[in-house]
C-alpha atoms as a PDB file:
ATOM      1  CA  MET A   1     -25.630   1.478 -36.657  1.00  0.00           C
ATOM      2  CA  THR A   2     -27.423   4.345 -38.029  1.00  0.00           C
ATOM      3  CA  LYS A   3     -25.606   7.562 -36.927  1.00  0.00           C
ATOM      4  CA  LYS A   4     -27.931  10.401 -35.502  1.00  0.00           C
ATOM      5  CA  LYS A   5     -28.976  13.077 -37.558  1.00  0.00           C
ATOM      6  CA  LYS A   6     -27.654  16.522 -36.435  1.00  0.00           C
ATOM      7  CA  ILE A   7     -30.659  19.046 -35.708  1.00  0.00           C
ATOM      8  CA  TYR A   8     -29.246  22.465 -36.932  1.00  0.00           C
ATOM      9  CA  SER A   9     -32.816  23.899 -36.043  1.00  0.00           C
ATOM     10  CA  GLU A  10     -32.430  23.464 -32.120  1.00  0.00           C
ATOM     11  CA  LYS A  11     -29.572  24.662 -30.262  1.00  0.00           C
ATOM     12  CA  HIS A  12     -29.015  24.814 -26.402  1.00  0.00           C
ATOM     13  CA  ALA A  13     -26.822  27.923 -24.584  1.00  0.00           C
ATOM     14  CA  SER A  14     -23.624  25.261 -24.212  1.00  0.00           C
ATOM     15  CA  GLN A  15     -23.698  25.633 -28.324  1.00  0.00           C
ATOM     16  CA  PHE A  16     -23.436  29.482 -28.226  1.00  0.00           C
ATOM     17  CA  ASN A  17     -19.648  28.751 -26.653  1.00  0.00           C
ATOM     18  CA  TRP A  18     -16.448  30.849 -26.924  1.00  0.00           C
ATOM     19  CA  PHE A  19     -15.158  28.811 -29.304  1.00  0.00           C
ATOM     20  CA  ARG A  20     -18.027  29.951 -31.642  1.00  0.00           C
ATOM     21  CA  ALA A  21     -17.702  33.588 -30.405  1.00  0.00           C
ATOM     22  CA  MET A  22     -14.060  33.306 -30.862  1.00  0.00           C
ATOM     23  CA  TRP A  23     -14.589  31.780 -34.615  1.00  0.00           C
ATOM     24  CA  GLN A  24     -17.177  34.854 -35.194  1.00  0.00           C
ATOM     25  CA  PHE A  25     -14.659  37.502 -34.075  1.00  0.00           C
ATOM     26  CA  ILE A  26     -12.690  36.347 -36.469  1.00  0.00           C
ATOM     27  CA  VAL A  27     -14.715  35.957 -39.543  1.00  0.00           C
ATOM     28  CA  CYS A  28     -16.974  38.789 -39.069  1.00  0.00           C
ATOM     29  CA  LYS A  29     -15.023  41.282 -36.637  1.00  0.00           C
ATOM     30  CA  ILE A  30     -11.308  40.915 -38.629  1.00  0.00           C
ATOM     31  CA  ILE A  31     -12.212  39.483 -41.662  1.00  0.00           C
ATOM     32  CA  TYR A  32     -15.322  41.327 -43.459  1.00  0.00           C
ATOM     33  CA  MET A  33     -14.771  44.555 -41.129  1.00  0.00           C
ATOM     34  CA  ILE A  34     -11.813  45.185 -43.028  1.00  0.00           C
ATOM     35  CA  ARG A  35     -13.434  44.316 -46.720  1.00  0.00           C
ATOM     36  CA  LEU A  36     -16.368  46.742 -45.218  1.00  0.00           C
ATOM     37  CA  LYS A  37     -13.966  49.835 -44.047  1.00  0.00           C
ATOM     38  CA  LEU A  38     -11.627  49.806 -47.418  1.00  0.00           C
ATOM     39  CA  VAL A  39     -14.559  49.109 -49.889  1.00  0.00           C
ATOM     40  CA  TYR A  40     -17.749  50.469 -48.451  1.00  0.00           C
ATOM     41  CA  ARG A  41     -16.481  53.215 -46.144  1.00  0.00           C
ATOM     42  CA  ILE A  42     -18.617  51.617 -43.857  1.00  0.00           C
ATOM     43  CA  ASP A  43     -20.180  54.377 -41.119  1.00  0.00           C
ATOM     44  CA  VAL A  44     -22.121  53.013 -37.753  1.00  0.00           C
ATOM     45  CA  ARG A  45     -24.036  55.819 -36.080  1.00  0.00           C
ATOM     46  CA  GLY A  46     -26.125  55.009 -32.152  1.00  0.00           C
ATOM     47  CA  LYS A  47     -24.083  52.592 -30.953  1.00  0.00           C
ATOM     48  CA  GLU A  48     -24.898  54.129 -27.295  1.00  0.00           C
ATOM     49  CA  ASN A  49     -28.338  52.560 -27.755  1.00  0.00           C
ATOM     50  CA  ILE A  50     -27.479  49.292 -27.907  1.00  0.00           C
ATOM     51  CA  PRO A  51     -27.997  47.526 -24.246  1.00  0.00           C
ATOM     52  CA  LYS A  52     -25.690  46.337 -21.828  1.00  0.00           C
ATOM     53  CA  GLY A  53     -27.056  43.029 -21.200  1.00  0.00           C
ATOM     54  CA  ASN A  54     -28.268  40.522 -23.539  1.00  0.00           C
ATOM     55  CA  LYS A  55     -32.767  40.478 -23.450  1.00  0.00           C
ATOM     56  CA  TYR A  56     -32.764  41.634 -26.686  1.00  0.00           C
ATOM     57  CA  ILE A  57     -33.400  40.887 -30.338  1.00  0.00           C
ATOM     58  CA  VAL A  58     -31.385  42.543 -32.575  1.00  0.00           C
ATOM     59  CA  CYS A  59     -33.256  43.556 -36.069  1.00  0.00           C
ATOM     60  CA  PRO A  60     -32.253  45.183 -39.183  1.00  0.00           C
ATOM     61  CA  ASN A  61     -34.146  45.537 -42.407  1.00  0.00           C
ATOM     62  CA  HIS A  62     -32.590  43.526 -45.270  1.00  0.00           C
ATOM     63  CA  LEU A  63     -30.625  44.386 -48.472  1.00  0.00           C
ATOM     64  CA  SER A  64     -27.611  41.507 -48.741  1.00  0.00           C
ATOM     65  CA  THR A  65     -26.120  38.773 -48.226  1.00  0.00           C
ATOM     66  CA  LEU A  66     -22.973  40.778 -46.068  1.00  0.00           C
ATOM     67  CA  ASP A  67     -26.026  42.132 -43.812  1.00  0.00           C
ATOM     68  CA  PRO A  68     -25.225  38.977 -41.071  1.00  0.00           C
ATOM     69  CA  PRO A  69     -21.678  39.085 -41.095  1.00  0.00           C
ATOM     70  CA  MET A  70     -21.788  42.999 -41.224  1.00  0.00           C
ATOM     71  CA  ILE A  71     -24.273  43.184 -37.999  1.00  0.00           C
ATOM     72  CA  ALA A  72     -22.735  40.656 -36.054  1.00  0.00           C
ATOM     73  CA  GLY A  73     -18.778  42.447 -36.697  1.00  0.00           C
ATOM     74  CA  ILE A  74     -20.348  46.386 -35.610  1.00  0.00           C
ATOM     75  CA  MET A  75     -22.240  44.237 -32.156  1.00  0.00           C
ATOM     76  CA  PRO A  76     -20.714  44.465 -29.167  1.00  0.00           C
ATOM     77  CA  ARG A  77     -21.791  40.698 -28.432  1.00  0.00           C
ATOM     78  CA  SER A  78     -21.662  37.615 -30.547  1.00  0.00           C
ATOM     79  CA  VAL A  79     -25.127  37.373 -32.697  1.00  0.00           C
ATOM     80  CA  ALA A  80     -27.009  34.069 -33.227  1.00  0.00           C
ATOM     81  CA  PHE A  81     -29.078  34.556 -36.343  1.00  0.00           C
ATOM     82  CA  MET A  82     -31.709  32.605 -37.933  1.00  0.00           C
ATOM     83  CA  ALA A  83     -31.447  31.023 -41.863  1.00  0.00           C
ATOM     84  CA  LYS A  84     -33.724  28.809 -43.960  1.00  0.00           C
ATOM     85  CA  LYS A  85     -33.138  25.697 -43.274  1.00  0.00           C
ATOM     86  CA  GLU A  86     -32.329  25.218 -47.310  1.00  0.00           C
ATOM     87  CA  LEU A  87     -29.401  26.411 -46.092  1.00  0.00           C
ATOM     88  CA  PHE A  88     -28.373  24.013 -43.598  1.00  0.00           C
ATOM     89  CA  ASP A  89     -28.251  21.141 -46.918  1.00  0.00           C
ATOM     90  CA  ILE A  90     -25.039  22.268 -48.305  1.00  0.00           C
ATOM     91  CA  PRO A  91     -22.356  20.551 -46.748  1.00  0.00           C
ATOM     92  CA  LEU A  92     -19.952  22.909 -46.496  1.00  0.00           C
ATOM     93  CA  LEU A  93     -22.008  26.210 -45.706  1.00  0.00           C
ATOM     94  CA  ARG A  94     -23.986  24.070 -43.219  1.00  0.00           C
ATOM     95  CA  TRP A  95     -20.931  23.453 -41.602  1.00  0.00           C
ATOM     96  CA  TRP A  96     -19.364  27.553 -41.757  1.00  0.00           C
ATOM     97  CA  LEU A  97     -23.177  28.842 -40.576  1.00  0.00           C
ATOM     98  CA  ASP A  98     -23.204  26.552 -37.538  1.00  0.00           C
ATOM     99  CA  TRP A  99     -20.249  27.593 -36.171  1.00  0.00           C
ATOM    100  CA  LEU A 100     -21.025  30.618 -36.925  1.00  0.00           C
ATOM    101  CA  GLY A 101     -23.736  30.038 -34.142  1.00  0.00           C
ATOM    102  CA  ALA A 102     -26.481  30.397 -37.076  1.00  0.00           C
ATOM    103  CA  PHE A 103     -29.567  28.057 -36.569  1.00  0.00           C
ATOM    104  CA  SER A 104     -32.289  26.464 -39.128  1.00  0.00           C
ATOM    105  CA  VAL A 105     -35.381  27.734 -39.555  1.00  0.00           C
ATOM    106  CA  ASP A 106     -38.578  26.727 -41.218  1.00  0.00           C
ATOM    107  CA  ARG A 107     -39.688  30.479 -42.642  1.00  0.00           C
ATOM    108  CA  GLU A 108     -43.255  28.972 -43.173  1.00  0.00           C
ATOM    109  CA  LYS A 109     -43.626  27.740 -39.642  1.00  0.00           C
ATOM    110  CA  LEU A 110     -42.036  28.875 -36.439  1.00  0.00           C
ATOM    111  CA  GLY A 111     -41.927  25.763 -34.615  1.00  0.00           C
ATOM    112  CA  PRO A 112     -40.875  25.193 -30.707  1.00  0.00           C
ATOM    113  CA  SER A 113     -37.434  24.159 -31.252  1.00  0.00           C
ATOM    114  CA  THR A 114     -37.158  28.060 -32.657  1.00  0.00           C
ATOM    115  CA  ILE A 115     -38.741  29.294 -28.992  1.00  0.00           C
ATOM    116  CA  LYS A 116     -36.329  27.286 -27.320  1.00  0.00           C
ATOM    117  CA  THR A 117     -33.618  27.979 -28.974  1.00  0.00           C
ATOM    118  CA  VAL A 118     -34.088  32.263 -28.460  1.00  0.00           C
ATOM    119  CA  GLU A 119     -34.545  30.949 -24.660  1.00  0.00           C
ATOM    120  CA  GLU A 120     -31.394  29.482 -25.052  1.00  0.00           C
ATOM    121  CA  ILE A 121     -29.636  32.089 -26.321  1.00  0.00           C
ATOM    122  CA  LYS A 122     -30.873  34.299 -24.152  1.00  0.00           C
ATOM    123  CA  LYS A 123     -29.020  32.181 -21.277  1.00  0.00           C
ATOM    124  CA  SER A 124     -25.651  32.591 -22.640  1.00  0.00           C
ATOM    125  CA  ASN A 125     -23.332  36.095 -23.574  1.00  0.00           C
ATOM    126  CA  TRP A 126     -25.107  35.941 -27.486  1.00  0.00           C
ATOM    127  CA  VAL A 127     -27.558  38.027 -28.849  1.00  0.00           C
ATOM    128  CA  PHE A 128     -30.380  36.510 -31.349  1.00  0.00           C
ATOM    129  CA  GLY A 129     -30.586  38.142 -34.494  1.00  0.00           C
ATOM    130  CA  ILE A 130     -33.114  37.816 -37.004  1.00  0.00           C
ATOM    131  CA  PHE A 131     -34.315  40.182 -40.014  1.00  0.00           C
ATOM    132  CA  PRO A 132     -38.474  40.825 -39.898  1.00  0.00           C
ATOM    133  CA  GLN A 133     -38.458  41.203 -43.608  1.00  0.00           C
ATOM    134  CA  GLY A 134     -37.606  37.621 -43.650  1.00  0.00           C
ATOM    135  CA  THR A 135     -35.596  37.873 -46.992  1.00  0.00           C
ATOM    136  CA  ARG A 136     -33.735  40.792 -49.271  1.00  0.00           C
ATOM    137  CA  GLY A 137     -35.557  43.724 -49.941  1.00  0.00           C
ATOM    138  CA  ILE A 138     -35.808  46.651 -52.661  1.00  0.00           C
ATOM    139  CA  PRO A 139     -33.397  49.517 -51.501  1.00  0.00           C
ATOM    140  CA  GLY A 140     -35.665  52.733 -50.725  1.00  0.00           C
ATOM    141  CA  GLU A 141     -38.660  50.241 -49.927  1.00  0.00           C
ATOM    142  CA  ILE A 142     -39.400  47.974 -46.703  1.00  0.00           C
ATOM    143  CA  ARG A 143     -41.904  45.006 -47.816  1.00  0.00           C
ATOM    144  CA  GLY A 144     -42.408  41.580 -46.793  1.00  0.00           C
ATOM    145  CA  VAL A 145     -42.433  42.598 -42.951  1.00  0.00           C
ATOM    146  CA  THR A 146     -44.297  39.497 -41.327  1.00  0.00           C
ATOM    147  CA  LYS A 147     -45.210  39.328 -37.226  1.00  0.00           C
ATOM    148  CA  GLY A 148     -42.918  36.276 -36.802  1.00  0.00           C
ATOM    149  CA  PHE A 149     -39.672  38.427 -35.330  1.00  0.00           C
ATOM    150  CA  ALA A 150     -42.897  40.152 -32.830  1.00  0.00           C
ATOM    151  CA  GLY A 151     -44.380  36.990 -32.134  1.00  0.00           C
ATOM    152  CA  LEU A 152     -40.630  35.931 -30.492  1.00  0.00           C
ATOM    153  CA  ALA A 153     -40.193  38.666 -28.699  1.00  0.00           C
ATOM    154  CA  ARG A 154     -43.976  38.278 -27.004  1.00  0.00           C
ATOM    155  CA  LEU A 155     -42.820  34.712 -26.286  1.00  0.00           C
ATOM    156  CA  THR A 156     -39.396  35.370 -24.543  1.00  0.00           C
ATOM    157  CA  LYS A 157     -40.318  38.672 -23.479  1.00  0.00           C
ATOM    158  CA  CYS A 158     -37.645  40.281 -25.133  1.00  0.00           C
ATOM    159  CA  ASP A 159     -36.988  44.280 -26.233  1.00  0.00           C
ATOM    160  CA  ILE A 160     -36.387  44.926 -29.816  1.00  0.00           C
ATOM    161  CA  LEU A 161     -33.322  46.506 -31.015  1.00  0.00           C
ATOM    162  CA  PRO A 162     -34.053  48.252 -34.934  1.00  0.00           C
ATOM    163  CA  VAL A 163     -31.469  48.744 -36.900  1.00  0.00           C
ATOM    164  CA  GLY A 164     -31.524  50.732 -40.224  1.00  0.00           C
ATOM    165  CA  ILE A 165     -29.186  49.618 -43.181  1.00  0.00           C
ATOM    166  CA  ILE A 166     -28.339  51.591 -45.814  1.00  0.00           C
ATOM    167  CA  GLY A 167     -26.152  50.481 -49.090  1.00  0.00           C
ATOM    168  CA  SER A 168     -24.840  47.243 -48.382  1.00  0.00           C
ATOM    169  CA  GLU A 169     -26.819  45.817 -51.871  1.00  0.00           C
ATOM    170  CA  GLN A 170     -24.197  47.903 -53.661  1.00  0.00           C
ATOM    171  CA  VAL A 171     -21.609  45.413 -55.139  1.00  0.00           C
ATOM    172  CA  LYS A 172     -18.086  47.054 -55.137  1.00  0.00           C
ATOM    173  CA  ARG A 173     -14.494  45.739 -55.086  1.00  0.00           C
ATOM    174  CA  ILE A 174     -12.344  49.055 -55.929  1.00  0.00           C
ATOM    175  CA  PRO A 175     -11.481  50.330 -52.444  1.00  0.00           C
ATOM    176  CA  PHE A 176     -13.859  53.498 -51.307  1.00  0.00           C
ATOM    177  CA  THR A 177     -16.211  53.124 -54.282  1.00  0.00           C
ATOM    178  CA  GLY A 178     -18.849  52.210 -52.003  1.00  0.00           C
ATOM    179  CA  LYS A 179     -20.787  53.540 -49.107  1.00  0.00           C
ATOM    180  CA  ILE A 180     -22.697  51.460 -46.231  1.00  0.00           C
ATOM    181  CA  ILE A 181     -24.562  53.318 -43.293  1.00  0.00           C
ATOM    182  CA  ILE A 182     -26.207  51.585 -40.125  1.00  0.00           C
ATOM    183  CA  ASN A 183     -27.851  53.105 -37.666  1.00  0.00           C
ATOM    184  CA  ILE A 184     -29.102  51.945 -34.574  1.00  0.00           C
ATOM    185  CA  GLY A 185     -32.284  53.009 -33.062  1.00  0.00           C
ATOM    186  CA  LYS A 186     -33.920  53.702 -29.856  1.00  0.00           C
ATOM    187  CA  ILE A 187     -34.954  50.043 -28.019  1.00  0.00           C
ATOM    188  CA  ILE A 188     -38.367  48.995 -28.341  1.00  0.00           C
ATOM    189  CA  PRO A 189     -39.900  47.957 -25.326  1.00  0.00           C
ATOM    190  CA  TYR A 190     -41.287  44.696 -24.752  1.00  0.00           C
ATOM    191  CA  ASP A 191     -45.008  44.691 -25.699  1.00  0.00           C
ATOM    192  CA  ARG A 192     -47.499  41.419 -25.379  1.00  0.00           C
ATOM    193  CA  ASN A 193     -49.414  42.750 -28.494  1.00  0.00           C
ATOM    194  CA  PRO A 194     -46.838  41.428 -31.708  1.00  0.00           C
ATOM    195  CA  ASP A 195     -48.885  44.323 -33.817  1.00  0.00           C
ATOM    196  CA  VAL A 196     -47.747  46.999 -31.533  1.00  0.00           C
ATOM    197  CA  VAL A 197     -43.887  45.441 -31.770  1.00  0.00           C
ATOM    198  CA  LYS A 198     -44.529  45.155 -35.814  1.00  0.00           C
ATOM    199  CA  ASP A 199     -46.027  48.898 -36.612  1.00  0.00           C
ATOM    200  CA  LYS A 200     -43.023  49.999 -33.831  1.00  0.00           C
ATOM    201  CA  TRP A 201     -40.562  48.776 -35.829  1.00  0.00           C
ATOM    202  CA  ILE A 202     -41.675  49.832 -39.514  1.00  0.00           C
ATOM    203  CA  LYS A 203     -41.831  53.249 -37.770  1.00  0.00           C
ATOM    204  CA  GLU A 204     -38.451  53.486 -36.760  1.00  0.00           C
ATOM    205  CA  ILE A 205     -36.664  51.805 -39.941  1.00  0.00           C
ATOM    206  CA  GLN A 206     -38.489  54.674 -41.678  1.00  0.00           C
ATOM    207  CA  GLU A 207     -37.345  56.798 -39.615  1.00  0.00           C
ATOM    208  CA  LEU A 208     -33.685  55.233 -39.666  1.00  0.00           C
ATOM    209  CA  THR A 209     -33.073  54.392 -43.550  1.00  0.00           C
ATOM    210  CA  GLY A 210     -35.477  56.987 -45.235  1.00  0.00           C
ATOM    211  CA  PHE A 211     -37.299  53.909 -46.947  1.00  0.00           C
ATOM    212  CA  LYS A 212     -40.848  53.540 -47.109  1.00  0.00           C
ATOM    213  CA  TYR A 213     -42.691  50.929 -45.844  1.00  0.00           C
ATOM    214  CA  ILE A 214     -44.894  49.283 -48.788  1.00  0.00           C
ATOM    215  CA  GLU A 215     -47.353  46.836 -47.244  1.00  0.00           C
ATOM    216  CA  GLU A 216     -47.749  44.042 -49.353  1.00  0.00           C
ATOM    217  CA  LYS A 217     -51.354  42.234 -50.156  1.00  0.00           C
ATOM    218  CA  GLU A 218     -50.365  38.750 -49.198  1.00  0.00           C
ATOM    219  CA  THR A 219     -48.181  39.661 -46.361  1.00  0.00           C
ATOM    220  CA  ALA A 220     -51.301  41.554 -44.627  1.00  0.00           C
ATOM    221  CA  GLU A 221     -53.411  38.062 -45.262  1.00  0.00           C
ATOM    222  CA  VAL A 222     -50.812  36.056 -43.724  1.00  0.00           C
ATOM    223  CA  ASN A 223     -50.547  38.561 -40.144  1.00  0.00           C
ATOM    224  CA  ASN A 224     -54.899  38.884 -40.059  1.00  0.00           C
END
């Protein structure tokens, strides 16, 4: 009998359970945060802007592979991030991401399974996280922003929590030689128009990071 292949793009609320939450707590809030506080002297500002419920999407800018576990480490709730589907083709990494609560996505096309998973996250005690840039950016610049995150916010009727990250791209190993600042902005209310949400997020991230938004030609073509 052929074993059914596990689908990592679609998860149910029951999968965002206490076991995965505890695993994420150990990995992100203990292991990663010890490293970040010792090496990078992480400074988190604006925690009072985090809503008490979970009907919002965490949307940081993206500079480093440290960003997902770092954001999960500072948030009061467990965070389920989307990860590109290619990462789930690697056996050990697939297991690691799965148990940290991540789910796979085709970055070229957000399918029905992605929308369903975000809806399922709302039914749990977790919160959904996504990087609007899609991939790591250049320090000082905000590029490659698509409307995908705003479209998901519209379909799931979620607000947006903008988070500005500064300094996570630095590769430091000696204690107290790095500095990471995380500025959590005020919530961007749900809006039926994705363009409005996208523009508000860009404006907020520029203010939170001091980075300059640069609209790339190819990005503009995709969004039109």
